[in-house]
Amino acid sequence: MKATYVELSNYEVAFAAALIIINGLISLFLRLGLERMLFLGALRTIVQLVLVGFVLKWVFAVQQWYIVVAVMLVMTAIAAIAAVRRTGLVYPGVYLDSMLSICASCWIVSAFALLTVMRQVTPWYDPQYAIPLLGMILGNTLNGIALGLNQLGEELSSRRDRVETLLSLGATRWEAGREPVRQAIRTGMIPIINSMMVVGIVSLPGMMTGQLIAGVDPGQAVKYQIVIMFLIASGTAMGTVGVVLLGFRRLFNSRHQFCYSKLQRR
């Protein structure tokens, strides 16, 4: 069957990549000092995507469940590490908390999608669906986790006197840390809520755009995008709540003491 999308040549991709020069010129003109970062970012984008393309082509051809799961585990570990590296304040055990939260939330949501919503997909580990699906959920969930962790640290740091005063007056650790926890979870969930507010009106998401370009019926593209948005929202909420609560338990001990010394600024 003839492809309904326009195949891009290497030259055409190079033309598009040349647009990054505009960013570099803006940085030079305004003396922003971003030229090196722009160059490295563009180079990493090309190298990473080309490598991913080769890996996925091989995975799609092999169609073995253990290879698909291995790729998904690597993606999850990288996402967990990336989430912590975007955080200004860290504490001992933060990488484990991030890994547990992002793994539990994203894998549960992905499993629900593959086994319930998209139950026609056989086998369940079909890389055409499993890998892109998990990737989209991971990408958004790690943002929520990073924002939640960062906000938790900042809130507890800025409210240290209030938190310790409440504890000294007999408040439990939850009563003292409840508001910072709520604010951290709220901060982590705001981006996905904002995206849901304007999706389809202000922006067409990447998945839907790709399907439309590939010639998929707009009605089906819309259905897929609705499912993806709800999966992403659920994964982000679960991941953010999980990592914030795990962080809260590490920073407040069972004797209802605030372990402020554990917080370290990068």
C-alpha atoms as a PDB file:
ATOM      1  CA  MET A   1       0.000   0.000   0.000  1.00  0.00           C
ATOM      2  CA  LYS A   2       1.363   3.377  -0.988  1.00  0.00           C
ATOM      3  CA  ALA A   3       2.239   5.672   1.920  1.00  0.00           C
ATOM      4  CA  THR A   4      -0.074   8.647   2.316  1.00  0.00           C
ATOM      5  CA  TYR A   5       2.547  10.822   3.964  1.00  0.00           C
ATOM      6  CA  VAL A   6       5.314  12.879   2.372  1.00  0.00           C
ATOM      7  CA  GLU A   7       8.693  11.197   2.784  1.00  0.00           C
ATOM      8  CA  LEU A   8      11.441  13.615   3.738  1.00  0.00           C
ATOM      9  CA  SER A   9      14.916  13.427   2.283  1.00  0.00           C
ATOM     10  CA  ASN A  10      18.087  14.145   4.250  1.00  0.00           C
ATOM     11  CA  TYR A  11      18.439  17.431   2.398  1.00  0.00           C
ATOM     12  CA  GLU A  12      14.966  18.555   3.432  1.00  0.00           C
ATOM     13  CA  VAL A  13      15.675  17.676   7.053  1.00  0.00           C
ATOM     14  CA  ALA A  14      18.901  19.672   6.814  1.00  0.00           C
ATOM     15  CA  PHE A  15      16.971  22.699   5.556  1.00  0.00           C
ATOM     16  CA  ALA A  16      14.704  22.515   8.601  1.00  0.00           C
ATOM     17  CA  ALA A  17      17.678  22.067  10.926  1.00  0.00           C
ATOM     18  CA  ALA A  18      19.236  25.219   9.472  1.00  0.00           C
ATOM     19  CA  LEU A  19      16.467  27.230  11.144  1.00  0.00           C
ATOM     20  CA  ILE A  20      18.338  26.837  14.420  1.00  0.00           C
ATOM     21  CA  ILE A  21      20.786  29.386  13.014  1.00  0.00           C
ATOM     22  CA  ILE A  22      18.101  32.018  13.590  1.00  0.00           C
ATOM     23  CA  ASN A  23      18.134  31.190  17.287  1.00  0.00           C
ATOM     24  CA  GLY A  24      21.898  31.515  17.330  1.00  0.00           C
ATOM     25  CA  LEU A  25      21.764  34.921  15.610  1.00  0.00           C
ATOM     26  CA  ILE A  26      19.200  36.156  18.123  1.00  0.00           C
ATOM     27  CA  SER A  27      21.457  35.016  20.965  1.00  0.00           C
ATOM     28  CA  LEU A  28      24.468  36.771  19.417  1.00  0.00           C
ATOM     29  CA  PHE A  29      22.560  39.975  18.693  1.00  0.00           C
ATOM     30  CA  LEU A  30      21.124  40.209  22.209  1.00  0.00           C
ATOM     31  CA  ARG A  31      24.271  38.782  23.846  1.00  0.00           C
ATOM     32  CA  LEU A  32      22.331  36.043  25.591  1.00  0.00           C
ATOM     33  CA  GLY A  33      25.277  33.656  25.663  1.00  0.00           C
ATOM     34  CA  LEU A  34      23.131  30.726  24.519  1.00  0.00           C
ATOM     35  CA  GLU A  35      25.043  29.848  21.338  1.00  0.00           C
ATOM     36  CA  ARG A  36      26.909  26.904  22.839  1.00  0.00           C
ATOM     37  CA  MET A  37      23.781  25.508  24.496  1.00  0.00           C
ATOM     38  CA  LEU A  38      21.812  25.868  21.262  1.00  0.00           C
ATOM     39  CA  PHE A  39      24.509  24.059  19.308  1.00  0.00           C
ATOM     40  CA  LEU A  40      24.770  21.239  21.839  1.00  0.00           C
ATOM     41  CA  GLY A  41      20.988  20.982  22.061  1.00  0.00           C
ATOM     42  CA  ALA A  42      20.626  20.749  18.288  1.00  0.00           C
ATOM     43  CA  LEU A  43      23.444  18.207  18.052  1.00  0.00           C
ATOM     44  CA  ARG A  44      21.986  16.050  20.821  1.00  0.00           C
ATOM     45  CA  THR A  45      18.550  16.209  19.213  1.00  0.00           C
ATOM     46  CA  ILE A  46      19.891  14.882  15.931  1.00  0.00           C
ATOM     47  CA  VAL A  47      22.144  12.203  17.428  1.00  0.00           C
ATOM     48  CA  GLN A  48      19.585  10.959  19.956  1.00  0.00           C
ATOM     49  CA  LEU A  49      16.710  10.771  17.487  1.00  0.00           C
ATOM     50  CA  VAL A  50      18.815   9.051  14.827  1.00  0.00           C
ATOM     51  CA  LEU A  51      19.995   6.458  17.351  1.00  0.00           C
ATOM     52  CA  VAL A  52      16.438   5.947  18.602  1.00  0.00           C
ATOM     53  CA  GLY A  53      15.301   5.477  15.021  1.00  0.00           C
ATOM     54  CA  PHE A  54      17.836   2.676  14.466  1.00  0.00           C
ATOM     55  CA  VAL A  55      16.961   1.003  17.777  1.00  0.00           C
ATOM     56  CA  LEU A  56      13.215   1.150  17.162  1.00  0.00           C
ATOM     57  CA  LYS A  57      13.598  -0.178  13.642  1.00  0.00           C
ATOM     58  CA  TRP A  58      15.433  -3.198  15.059  1.00  0.00           C
ATOM     59  CA  VAL A  59      12.944  -3.642  17.951  1.00  0.00           C
ATOM     60  CA  PHE A  60       9.980  -3.470  15.567  1.00  0.00           C
ATOM     61  CA  ALA A  61      11.585  -6.140  13.403  1.00  0.00           C
ATOM     62  CA  VAL A  62      12.463  -8.502  16.275  1.00  0.00           C
ATOM     63  CA  GLN A  63       9.088  -8.334  18.086  1.00  0.00           C
ATOM     64  CA  GLN A  64      10.288 -10.036  21.302  1.00  0.00           C
ATOM     65  CA  TRP A  65       8.576  -9.133  24.583  1.00  0.00           C
ATOM     66  CA  TYR A  66      11.765  -9.132  26.675  1.00  0.00           C
ATOM     67  CA  ILE A  67      13.470  -6.712  24.289  1.00  0.00           C
ATOM     68  CA  VAL A  68      10.455  -4.379  24.338  1.00  0.00           C
ATOM     69  CA  VAL A  69      10.327  -4.492  28.158  1.00  0.00           C
ATOM     70  CA  ALA A  70      14.087  -3.855  28.365  1.00  0.00           C
ATOM     71  CA  VAL A  71      13.751  -0.766  26.158  1.00  0.00           C
ATOM     72  CA  MET A  72      10.849   0.470  28.275  1.00  0.00           C
ATOM     73  CA  LEU A  73      12.840  -0.039  31.484  1.00  0.00           C
ATOM     74  CA  VAL A  74      15.745   1.975  30.093  1.00  0.00           C
ATOM     75  CA  MET A  75      13.327   4.752  29.096  1.00  0.00           C
ATOM     76  CA  THR A  76      11.841   4.737  32.600  1.00  0.00           C
ATOM     77  CA  ALA A  77      15.236   4.904  34.329  1.00  0.00           C
ATOM     78  CA  ILE A  78      16.383   7.804  32.147  1.00  0.00           C
ATOM     79  CA  ALA A  79      13.131   9.672  32.838  1.00  0.00           C
ATOM     80  CA  ALA A  80      13.526   9.183  36.600  1.00  0.00           C
ATOM     81  CA  ILE A  81      17.083  10.523  36.524  1.00  0.00           C
ATOM     82  CA  ALA A  82      16.112  13.456  34.291  1.00  0.00           C
ATOM     83  CA  ALA A  83      13.311  14.431  36.683  1.00  0.00           C
ATOM     84  CA  VAL A  84      15.696  14.699  39.635  1.00  0.00           C
ATOM     85  CA  ARG A  85      18.302  16.609  37.646  1.00  0.00           C
ATOM     86  CA  ARG A  86      15.731  19.327  37.004  1.00  0.00           C
ATOM     87  CA  THR A  87      15.245  19.784  40.745  1.00  0.00           C
ATOM     88  CA  GLY A  88      17.002  22.545  42.681  1.00  0.00           C
ATOM     89  CA  LEU A  89      16.750  20.982  46.139  1.00  0.00           C
ATOM     90  CA  VAL A  90      17.440  17.275  46.664  1.00  0.00           C
ATOM     91  CA  TYR A  91      17.693  14.872  49.581  1.00  0.00           C
ATOM     92  CA  PRO A  92      19.141  11.376  50.172  1.00  0.00           C
ATOM     93  CA  GLY A  93      17.006   8.800  48.402  1.00  0.00           C
ATOM     94  CA  VAL A  94      15.462  11.220  45.916  1.00  0.00           C
ATOM     95  CA  TYR A  95      16.517   9.114  42.912  1.00  0.00           C
ATOM     96  CA  LEU A  96      14.848   6.032  44.356  1.00  0.00           C
ATOM     97  CA  ASP A  97      11.677   8.010  45.095  1.00  0.00           C
ATOM     98  CA  SER A  98      11.638   9.349  41.552  1.00  0.00           C
ATOM     99  CA  MET A  99      12.170   5.883  40.078  1.00  0.00           C
ATOM    100  CA  LEU A 100       9.434   4.297  42.179  1.00  0.00           C
ATOM    101  CA  SER A 101       6.940   7.054  41.432  1.00  0.00           C
ATOM    102  CA  ILE A 102       7.522   7.289  37.711  1.00  0.00           C
ATOM    103  CA  CYS A 103       7.695   3.518  37.282  1.00  0.00           C
ATOM    104  CA  ALA A 104       4.520   2.812  39.242  1.00  0.00           C
ATOM    105  CA  SER A 105       2.446   5.581  37.690  1.00  0.00           C
ATOM    106  CA  CYS A 106       3.550   5.260  34.072  1.00  0.00           C
ATOM    107  CA  TRP A 107       3.579   1.475  33.903  1.00  0.00           C
ATOM    108  CA  ILE A 108       0.192   1.151  35.596  1.00  0.00           C
ATOM    109  CA  VAL A 109      -1.372   3.676  33.235  1.00  0.00           C
ATOM    110  CA  SER A 110       0.321   2.117  30.188  1.00  0.00           C
ATOM    111  CA  ALA A 111      -0.815  -1.370  31.214  1.00  0.00           C
ATOM    112  CA  PHE A 112      -4.364  -0.094  31.661  1.00  0.00           C
ATOM    113  CA  ALA A 113      -4.278   1.430  28.185  1.00  0.00           C
ATOM    114  CA  LEU A 114      -2.834  -1.634  26.453  1.00  0.00           C
ATOM    115  CA  LEU A 115      -4.932  -4.241  28.257  1.00  0.00           C
ATOM    116  CA  THR A 116      -8.214  -2.353  28.560  1.00  0.00           C
ATOM    117  CA  VAL A 117      -8.563   0.665  26.286  1.00  0.00           C
ATOM    118  CA  MET A 118      -6.565  -0.770  23.372  1.00  0.00           C
ATOM    119  CA  ARG A 119      -7.293  -4.418  24.016  1.00  0.00           C
ATOM    120  CA  GLN A 120      -7.366  -5.064  20.257  1.00  0.00           C
ATOM    121  CA  VAL A 121      -3.568  -4.686  20.288  1.00  0.00           C
ATOM    122  CA  THR A 122      -2.036  -8.150  20.093  1.00  0.00           C
ATOM    123  CA  PRO A 123       0.355  -9.051  21.460  1.00  0.00           C
ATOM    124  CA  TRP A 124       0.185  -6.575  24.351  1.00  0.00           C
ATOM    125  CA  TYR A 125       3.898  -5.792  23.943  1.00  0.00           C
ATOM    126  CA  ASP A 126       3.557  -4.731  20.298  1.00  0.00           C
ATOM    127  CA  PRO A 127       6.333  -2.090  20.132  1.00  0.00           C
ATOM    128  CA  GLN A 128       4.331  -0.009  17.658  1.00  0.00           C
ATOM    129  CA  TYR A 129       1.964   0.844  20.516  1.00  0.00           C
ATOM    130  CA  ALA A 130       3.738   0.000  23.789  1.00  0.00           C
ATOM    131  CA  ILE A 131       6.908   2.066  23.326  1.00  0.00           C
ATOM    132  CA  PRO A 132       5.399   5.307  21.940  1.00  0.00           C
ATOM    133  CA  LEU A 133       2.583   5.140  24.481  1.00  0.00           C
ATOM    134  CA  LEU A 134       4.920   4.768  27.448  1.00  0.00           C
ATOM    135  CA  GLY A 135       7.228   7.421  26.000  1.00  0.00           C
ATOM    136  CA  MET A 136       4.485  10.048  25.844  1.00  0.00           C
ATOM    137  CA  ILE A 137       3.349   9.294  29.378  1.00  0.00           C
ATOM    138  CA  LEU A 138       6.925   9.312  30.713  1.00  0.00           C
ATOM    139  CA  GLY A 139       7.779  12.621  29.065  1.00  0.00           C
ATOM    140  CA  ASN A 140       4.903  14.444  30.701  1.00  0.00           C
ATOM    141  CA  THR A 141       5.039  12.634  34.043  1.00  0.00           C
ATOM    142  CA  LEU A 142       8.711  13.449  34.551  1.00  0.00           C
ATOM    143  CA  ASN A 143       7.857  17.147  34.178  1.00  0.00           C
ATOM    144  CA  GLY A 144       5.214  16.853  36.875  1.00  0.00           C
ATOM    145  CA  ILE A 145       7.580  14.949  39.161  1.00  0.00           C
ATOM    146  CA  ALA A 146      10.382  17.466  38.629  1.00  0.00           C
ATOM    147  CA  LEU A 147       8.093  20.425  39.355  1.00  0.00           C
ATOM    148  CA  GLY A 148       6.555  18.709  42.376  1.00  0.00           C
ATOM    149  CA  LEU A 149       9.891  17.761  43.898  1.00  0.00           C
ATOM    150  CA  ASN A 150      11.351  21.198  43.322  1.00  0.00           C
ATOM    151  CA  GLN A 151       8.317  22.963  44.777  1.00  0.00           C
ATOM    152  CA  LEU A 152       8.271  20.677  47.824  1.00  0.00           C
ATOM    153  CA  GLY A 153      11.879  21.539  48.612  1.00  0.00           C
ATOM    154  CA  GLU A 154      11.361  25.249  48.042  1.00  0.00           C
ATOM    155  CA  GLU A 155       8.177  25.361  50.117  1.00  0.00           C
ATOM    156  CA  LEU A 156       9.709  23.498  53.049  1.00  0.00           C
ATOM    157  CA  SER A 157      12.844  25.615  52.860  1.00  0.00           C
ATOM    158  CA  SER A 158      11.012  28.945  52.770  1.00  0.00           C
ATOM    159  CA  ARG A 159       8.492  27.852  55.443  1.00  0.00           C
ATOM    160  CA  ARG A 160      11.028  26.205  57.730  1.00  0.00           C
ATOM    161  CA  ASP A 161      10.330  28.510  60.691  1.00  0.00           C
ATOM    162  CA  ARG A 162       6.577  28.005  60.414  1.00  0.00           C
ATOM    163  CA  VAL A 163       6.891  24.242  60.030  1.00  0.00           C
ATOM    164  CA  GLU A 164       9.202  23.886  63.021  1.00  0.00           C
ATOM    165  CA  THR A 165       7.022  26.199  65.111  1.00  0.00           C
ATOM    166  CA  LEU A 166       3.969  24.076  64.418  1.00  0.00           C
ATOM    167  CA  LEU A 167       5.876  20.917  65.324  1.00  0.00           C
ATOM    168  CA  SER A 168       7.141  22.468  68.553  1.00  0.00           C
ATOM    169  CA  LEU A 169       3.539  23.360  69.479  1.00  0.00           C
ATOM    170  CA  GLY A 170       2.485  19.729  69.174  1.00  0.00           C
ATOM    171  CA  ALA A 171       1.377  19.503  65.556  1.00  0.00           C
ATOM    172  CA  THR A 172       1.892  16.228  63.728  1.00  0.00           C
ATOM    173  CA  ARG A 173       4.237  16.055  60.778  1.00  0.00           C
ATOM    174  CA  TRP A 174       1.262  16.002  58.405  1.00  0.00           C
ATOM    175  CA  GLU A 175      -0.321  19.053  60.015  1.00  0.00           C
ATOM    176  CA  ALA A 176       2.970  20.932  59.755  1.00  0.00           C
ATOM    177  CA  GLY A 177       3.839  19.848  56.213  1.00  0.00           C
ATOM    178  CA  ARG A 178       0.370  19.585  54.704  1.00  0.00           C
ATOM    179  CA  GLU A 179       0.348  22.950  52.941  1.00  0.00           C
ATOM    180  CA  PRO A 180       3.813  22.554  51.322  1.00  0.00           C
ATOM    181  CA  VAL A 181       2.748  19.082  50.135  1.00  0.00           C
ATOM    182  CA  ARG A 182      -0.474  20.430  48.635  1.00  0.00           C
ATOM    183  CA  GLN A 183       1.337  23.290  46.927  1.00  0.00           C
ATOM    184  CA  ALA A 184       3.942  20.914  45.487  1.00  0.00           C
ATOM    185  CA  ILE A 185       1.289  18.574  44.059  1.00  0.00           C
ATOM    186  CA  ARG A 186      -0.662  21.524  42.669  1.00  0.00           C
ATOM    187  CA  THR A 187       2.454  22.879  40.949  1.00  0.00           C
ATOM    188  CA  GLY A 188       3.272  19.520  39.395  1.00  0.00           C
ATOM    189  CA  MET A 189      -0.217  19.119  37.948  1.00  0.00           C
ATOM    190  CA  ILE A 190      -0.746  22.648  36.593  1.00  0.00           C
ATOM    191  CA  PRO A 191       1.108  22.133  33.240  1.00  0.00           C
ATOM    192  CA  ILE A 192      -0.988  19.152  32.144  1.00  0.00           C
ATOM    193  CA  ILE A 193      -4.192  20.897  33.251  1.00  0.00           C
ATOM    194  CA  ASN A 194      -3.208  23.958  31.194  1.00  0.00           C
ATOM    195  CA  SER A 195      -2.520  21.716  28.197  1.00  0.00           C
ATOM    196  CA  MET A 196      -5.930  20.078  28.521  1.00  0.00           C
ATOM    197  CA  MET A 197      -7.593  23.503  28.609  1.00  0.00           C
ATOM    198  CA  VAL A 198      -6.288  24.568  25.188  1.00  0.00           C
ATOM    199  CA  VAL A 199      -5.657  21.301  23.340  1.00  0.00           C
ATOM    200  CA  GLY A 200      -7.241  21.328  19.903  1.00  0.00           C
ATOM    201  CA  ILE A 201      -8.014  25.054  20.089  1.00  0.00           C
ATOM    202  CA  VAL A 202      -4.602  26.653  20.531  1.00  0.00           C
ATOM    203  CA  SER A 203      -2.396  23.672  19.719  1.00  0.00           C
ATOM    204  CA  LEU A 204      -2.545  20.327  17.968  1.00  0.00           C
ATOM    205  CA  PRO A 205      -0.526  17.776  19.987  1.00  0.00           C
ATOM    206  CA  GLY A 206       2.400  15.996  18.381  1.00  0.00           C
ATOM    207  CA  MET A 207       0.733  12.601  18.208  1.00  0.00           C
ATOM    208  CA  MET A 208      -2.403  13.931  16.546  1.00  0.00           C
ATOM    209  CA  THR A 209      -0.372  16.029  14.123  1.00  0.00           C
ATOM    210  CA  GLY A 210       1.748  13.015  13.179  1.00  0.00           C
ATOM    211  CA  GLN A 211      -1.316  10.878  12.557  1.00  0.00           C
ATOM    212  CA  LEU A 212      -2.935  13.539  10.393  1.00  0.00           C
ATOM    213  CA  ILE A 213       0.226  13.919   8.314  1.00  0.00           C
ATOM    214  CA  ALA A 214       0.379  10.126   7.948  1.00  0.00           C
ATOM    215  CA  GLY A 215      -3.139  10.158   6.500  1.00  0.00           C
ATOM    216  CA  VAL A 216      -5.120   8.810   9.465  1.00  0.00           C
ATOM    217  CA  ASP A 217      -8.795   9.752   9.529  1.00  0.00           C
ATOM    218  CA  PRO A 218      -9.184  12.962  11.623  1.00  0.00           C
ATOM    219  CA  GLY A 219     -11.930  11.346  13.694  1.00  0.00           C
ATOM    220  CA  GLN A 220      -9.667   8.461  14.690  1.00  0.00           C
ATOM    221  CA  ALA A 221      -6.764  10.853  15.336  1.00  0.00           C
ATOM    222  CA  VAL A 222      -8.991  12.825  17.707  1.00  0.00           C
ATOM    223  CA  LYS A 223     -10.043   9.669  19.586  1.00  0.00           C
ATOM    224  CA  TYR A 224      -6.432   8.589  20.022  1.00  0.00           C
ATOM    225  CA  GLN A 225      -5.469  12.044  21.254  1.00  0.00           C
ATOM    226  CA  ILE A 226      -8.298  12.142  23.796  1.00  0.00           C
ATOM    227  CA  VAL A 227      -7.155   8.778  25.171  1.00  0.00           C
ATOM    228  CA  ILE A 228      -3.531   9.927  25.304  1.00  0.00           C
ATOM    229  CA  MET A 229      -4.374  13.182  27.081  1.00  0.00           C
ATOM    230  CA  PHE A 230      -6.306  11.367  29.790  1.00  0.00           C
ATOM    231  CA  LEU A 231      -3.555   8.765  30.188  1.00  0.00           C
ATOM    232  CA  ILE A 232      -0.947  11.511  30.495  1.00  0.00           C
ATOM    233  CA  ALA A 233      -3.072  13.416  33.017  1.00  0.00           C
ATOM    234  CA  SER A 234      -3.554  10.289  35.121  1.00  0.00           C
ATOM    235  CA  GLY A 235       0.131   9.333  34.985  1.00  0.00           C
ATOM    236  CA  THR A 236       1.211  12.864  35.886  1.00  0.00           C
ATOM    237  CA  ALA A 237      -1.166  13.041  38.836  1.00  0.00           C
ATOM    238  CA  MET A 238      -0.163   9.635  40.193  1.00  0.00           C
ATOM    239  CA  GLY A 239       3.546  10.273  39.709  1.00  0.00           C
ATOM    240  CA  THR A 240       3.472  13.743  41.270  1.00  0.00           C
ATOM    241  CA  VAL A 241       1.438  12.655  44.290  1.00  0.00           C
ATOM    242  CA  GLY A 242       3.648   9.602  44.767  1.00  0.00           C
ATOM    243  CA  VAL A 243       6.992  11.388  44.651  1.00  0.00           C
ATOM    244  CA  VAL A 244       5.833  14.287  46.850  1.00  0.00           C
ATOM    245  CA  LEU A 245       4.492  11.947  49.530  1.00  0.00           C
ATOM    246  CA  LEU A 246       7.647   9.829  49.412  1.00  0.00           C
ATOM    247  CA  GLY A 247       9.723  12.987  49.758  1.00  0.00           C
ATOM    248  CA  PHE A 248       7.552  14.130  52.650  1.00  0.00           C
ATOM    249  CA  ARG A 249       8.149  10.832  54.493  1.00  0.00           C
ATOM    250  CA  ARG A 250      11.906  11.150  54.037  1.00  0.00           C
ATOM    251  CA  LEU A 251      12.016  14.750  55.276  1.00  0.00           C
ATOM    252  CA  PHE A 252       9.814  14.140  58.328  1.00  0.00           C
ATOM    253  CA  ASN A 253      10.661  11.249  60.628  1.00  0.00           C
ATOM    254  CA  SER A 254       8.309   9.080  62.686  1.00  0.00           C
ATOM    255  CA  ARG A 255       8.952  11.282  65.756  1.00  0.00           C
ATOM    256  CA  HIS A 256       7.335  14.199  63.893  1.00  0.00           C
ATOM    257  CA  GLN A 257      10.589  16.061  63.394  1.00  0.00           C
ATOM    258  CA  PHE A 258      11.504  18.064  60.302  1.00  0.00           C
ATOM    259  CA  CYS A 259      14.849  16.801  58.971  1.00  0.00           C
ATOM    260  CA  TYR A 260      15.825  20.065  57.306  1.00  0.00           C
ATOM    261  CA  SER A 261      19.499  19.083  57.172  1.00  0.00           C
ATOM    262  CA  LYS A 262      18.669  16.451  54.545  1.00  0.00           C
ATOM    263  CA  LEU A 263      17.738  19.130  52.012  1.00  0.00           C
ATOM    264  CA  GLN A 264      20.699  20.075  49.834  1.00  0.00           C
ATOM    265  CA  ARG A 265      20.741  22.736  47.135  1.00  0.00           C
ATOM    266  CA  ARG A 266      22.542  21.825  43.935  1.00  0.00           C
END
